[in-house]
Amino acid sequence: MNIQEAPRGDLLMGADAIADYLGVTRRQVYRLVYDQIIPSFKLGGTVAARKSSLTKWMQELEQAENVH
């Protein structure tokens, strides 16, 4: 998905927004970002992520768990 295809309201700016979306703590977000576990990027020095990318990541985790 490129920037022109991104749905309106898809961007999460800051660890607090990402934490709220994932249902985890701000500290957990920073750990997930640092360990490169979640799809994220820096935007002007602020951690950011797309809801669509996080949703896809979670779906892939669920599918992997269902395979085992």
N, C-alpha and C. Protein backbone atom coordinates (compact mmCIF):
# COMPACT_ATOMS: atom_id res chain seq x y z
N MET A 1 0.85 -1.17 0.00
CA MET A 1 0.00 0.00 0.00
C MET A 1 0.89 1.23 0.00
N ASN A 2 0.71 2.07 -0.99
CA ASN A 2 1.49 3.30 -1.00
C ASN A 2 0.70 4.43 -0.35
N ILE A 3 1.32 5.57 -0.22
CA ILE A 3 0.70 6.68 0.51
C ILE A 3 -0.61 7.14 -0.12
N GLN A 4 -0.73 7.05 -1.46
CA GLN A 4 -1.98 7.46 -2.10
C GLN A 4 -3.12 6.48 -1.81
N GLU A 5 -2.80 5.22 -1.53
CA GLU A 5 -3.82 4.21 -1.28
C GLU A 5 -4.21 4.11 0.19
N ALA A 6 -3.47 4.76 1.08
CA ALA A 6 -3.72 4.65 2.51
C ALA A 6 -5.07 5.24 2.86
N PRO A 7 -5.90 4.48 3.60
CA PRO A 7 -7.20 5.01 4.00
C PRO A 7 -7.05 6.19 4.95
N ARG A 8 -7.99 7.11 4.87
CA ARG A 8 -7.99 8.27 5.76
C ARG A 8 -8.09 7.79 7.21
N GLY A 9 -7.29 8.37 8.08
CA GLY A 9 -7.30 7.99 9.49
C GLY A 9 -6.50 6.73 9.78
N ASP A 10 -5.65 6.30 8.84
CA ASP A 10 -4.88 5.07 9.00
C ASP A 10 -3.62 5.27 9.84
N LEU A 11 -3.15 6.51 9.96
CA LEU A 11 -1.88 6.79 10.62
C LEU A 11 -2.04 6.93 12.13
N LEU A 12 -1.18 6.25 12.86
CA LEU A 12 -1.10 6.38 14.32
C LEU A 12 0.22 7.07 14.64
N MET A 13 0.15 8.23 15.26
CA MET A 13 1.35 8.99 15.62
C MET A 13 1.60 8.90 17.11
N GLY A 14 2.76 8.40 17.48
CA GLY A 14 3.17 8.34 18.88
C GLY A 14 2.88 6.99 19.51
N ALA A 15 3.69 6.68 20.51
CA ALA A 15 3.57 5.40 21.21
C ALA A 15 2.23 5.26 21.91
N ASP A 16 1.68 6.36 22.43
CA ASP A 16 0.39 6.27 23.11
C ASP A 16 -0.72 5.86 22.16
N ALA A 17 -0.73 6.42 20.95
CA ALA A 17 -1.76 6.06 19.97
C ALA A 17 -1.63 4.61 19.54
N ILE A 18 -0.40 4.17 19.34
CA ILE A 18 -0.16 2.78 18.96
C ILE A 18 -0.56 1.85 20.10
N ALA A 19 -0.22 2.22 21.32
CA ALA A 19 -0.57 1.42 22.50
C ALA A 19 -2.07 1.28 22.64
N ASP A 20 -2.80 2.38 22.46
CA ASP A 20 -4.26 2.33 22.54
C ASP A 20 -4.83 1.39 21.48
N TYR A 21 -4.30 1.46 20.29
CA TYR A 21 -4.79 0.63 19.19
C TYR A 21 -4.53 -0.85 19.46
N LEU A 22 -3.34 -1.16 19.98
CA LEU A 22 -2.98 -2.56 20.22
C LEU A 22 -3.48 -3.09 21.56
N GLY A 23 -3.83 -2.19 22.47
CA GLY A 23 -4.27 -2.62 23.80
C GLY A 23 -3.10 -3.03 24.68
N VAL A 24 -1.97 -2.36 24.52
CA VAL A 24 -0.78 -2.62 25.33
C VAL A 24 -0.31 -1.31 25.95
N THR A 25 0.75 -1.39 26.73
CA THR A 25 1.27 -0.18 27.35
C THR A 25 2.23 0.55 26.41
N ARG A 26 2.47 1.80 26.71
CA ARG A 26 3.42 2.62 25.95
C ARG A 26 4.81 1.98 25.97
N ARG A 27 5.19 1.47 27.13
CA ARG A 27 6.50 0.83 27.27
C ARG A 27 6.60 -0.41 26.37
N GLN A 28 5.52 -1.17 26.29
CA GLN A 28 5.52 -2.35 25.42
C GLN A 28 5.67 -1.95 23.95
N VAL A 29 5.04 -0.84 23.58
CA VAL A 29 5.18 -0.35 22.20
C VAL A 29 6.64 -0.05 21.91
N TYR A 30 7.30 0.68 22.79
CA TYR A 30 8.70 1.00 22.57
C TYR A 30 9.55 -0.26 22.46
N ARG A 31 9.27 -1.27 23.24
CA ARG A 31 10.01 -2.54 23.16
C ARG A 31 9.74 -3.22 21.82
N LEU A 32 8.48 -3.26 21.40
CA LEU A 32 8.14 -3.88 20.12
C LEU A 32 8.78 -3.16 18.94
N VAL A 33 8.86 -1.83 19.04
CA VAL A 33 9.50 -1.04 17.99
C VAL A 33 11.01 -1.28 18.02
N TYR A 34 11.61 -1.20 19.18
CA TYR A 34 13.06 -1.37 19.32
C TYR A 34 13.50 -2.74 18.80
N ASP A 35 12.74 -3.76 19.12
CA ASP A 35 13.06 -5.13 18.69
C ASP A 35 12.59 -5.42 17.26
N GLN A 36 12.03 -4.42 16.59
CA GLN A 36 11.54 -4.53 15.22
C GLN A 36 10.53 -5.65 15.05
N ILE A 37 9.63 -5.76 16.03
CA ILE A 37 8.60 -6.78 15.99
C ILE A 37 7.35 -6.26 15.28
N ILE A 38 6.98 -5.01 15.54
CA ILE A 38 5.81 -4.45 14.87
C ILE A 38 6.23 -3.58 13.69
N PRO A 39 5.38 -3.50 12.68
CA PRO A 39 5.67 -2.61 11.55
C PRO A 39 5.50 -1.16 11.99
N SER A 40 6.59 -0.42 11.98
CA SER A 40 6.55 0.98 12.43
C SER A 40 7.65 1.75 11.72
N PHE A 41 7.63 3.06 11.90
CA PHE A 41 8.63 3.93 11.29
C PHE A 41 8.68 5.22 12.08
N LYS A 42 9.72 6.00 11.85
CA LYS A 42 9.86 7.30 12.50
C LYS A 42 9.36 8.38 11.55
N LEU A 43 8.60 9.31 12.06
CA LEU A 43 8.12 10.44 11.29
C LEU A 43 8.45 11.68 12.09
N GLY A 44 9.48 12.39 11.65
CA GLY A 44 9.92 13.57 12.38
C GLY A 44 10.40 13.26 13.78
N GLY A 45 10.99 12.10 13.98
CA GLY A 45 11.49 11.72 15.29
C GLY A 45 10.45 11.06 16.18
N THR A 46 9.22 10.96 15.71
CA THR A 46 8.13 10.33 16.48
C THR A 46 7.84 8.97 15.89
N VAL A 47 7.68 7.98 16.76
CA VAL A 47 7.33 6.65 16.29
C VAL A 47 5.91 6.70 15.72
N ALA A 48 5.73 6.03 14.58
CA ALA A 48 4.44 6.03 13.91
C ALA A 48 4.19 4.64 13.33
N ALA A 49 2.93 4.36 13.06
CA ALA A 49 2.54 3.09 12.44
C ALA A 49 1.21 3.28 11.74
N ARG A 50 0.93 2.42 10.82
CA ARG A 50 -0.36 2.44 10.14
C ARG A 50 -1.26 1.36 10.75
N LYS A 51 -2.50 1.72 11.00
CA LYS A 51 -3.46 0.75 11.52
C LYS A 51 -3.53 -0.46 10.61
N SER A 52 -3.56 -0.21 9.31
CA SER A 52 -3.67 -1.30 8.34
C SER A 52 -2.47 -2.25 8.42
N SER A 53 -1.29 -1.72 8.62
CA SER A 53 -0.09 -2.56 8.74
C SER A 53 -0.11 -3.37 10.02
N LEU A 54 -0.55 -2.74 11.11
CA LEU A 54 -0.63 -3.45 12.39
C LEU A 54 -1.70 -4.55 12.34
N THR A 55 -2.82 -4.27 11.69
CA THR A 55 -3.89 -5.26 11.55
C THR A 55 -3.40 -6.45 10.74
N LYS A 56 -2.72 -6.17 9.63
CA LYS A 56 -2.17 -7.25 8.81
C LYS A 56 -1.17 -8.08 9.61
N TRP A 57 -0.31 -7.41 10.38
CA TRP A 57 0.68 -8.09 11.20
C TRP A 57 0.00 -9.02 12.20
N MET A 58 -1.07 -8.53 12.86
CA MET A 58 -1.79 -9.36 13.83
C MET A 58 -2.47 -10.55 13.16
N GLN A 59 -3.03 -10.33 11.97
CA GLN A 59 -3.67 -11.42 11.23
C GLN A 59 -2.66 -12.49 10.87
N GLU A 60 -1.46 -12.07 10.47
CA GLU A 60 -0.41 -13.03 10.14
C GLU A 60 0.01 -13.83 11.37
N LEU A 61 0.07 -13.18 12.52
CA LEU A 61 0.39 -13.89 13.77
C LEU A 61 -0.68 -14.93 14.08
N GLU A 62 -1.94 -14.55 13.94
CA GLU A 62 -3.05 -15.47 14.20
C GLU A 62 -3.00 -16.67 13.26
N GLN A 63 -2.73 -16.42 11.98
CA GLN A 63 -2.66 -17.51 11.01
C GLN A 63 -1.51 -18.45 11.33
N ALA A 64 -0.39 -17.90 11.74
CA ALA A 64 0.76 -18.73 12.11
C ALA A 64 0.44 -19.60 13.30
N GLU A 65 -0.30 -19.06 14.25
CA GLU A 65 -0.69 -19.83 15.45
C GLU A 65 -1.65 -20.95 15.09
N ASN A 66 -2.54 -20.70 14.14
CA ASN A 66 -3.53 -21.71 13.74
C ASN A 66 -2.91 -22.85 12.95
N VAL A 67 -1.74 -22.62 12.38
CA VAL A 67 -1.05 -23.66 11.62
C VAL A 67 -0.48 -24.72 12.55
N HIS A 68 -0.03 -24.29 13.72
CA HIS A 68 0.63 -25.23 14.66
C HIS A 68 -0.35 -26.09 15.37
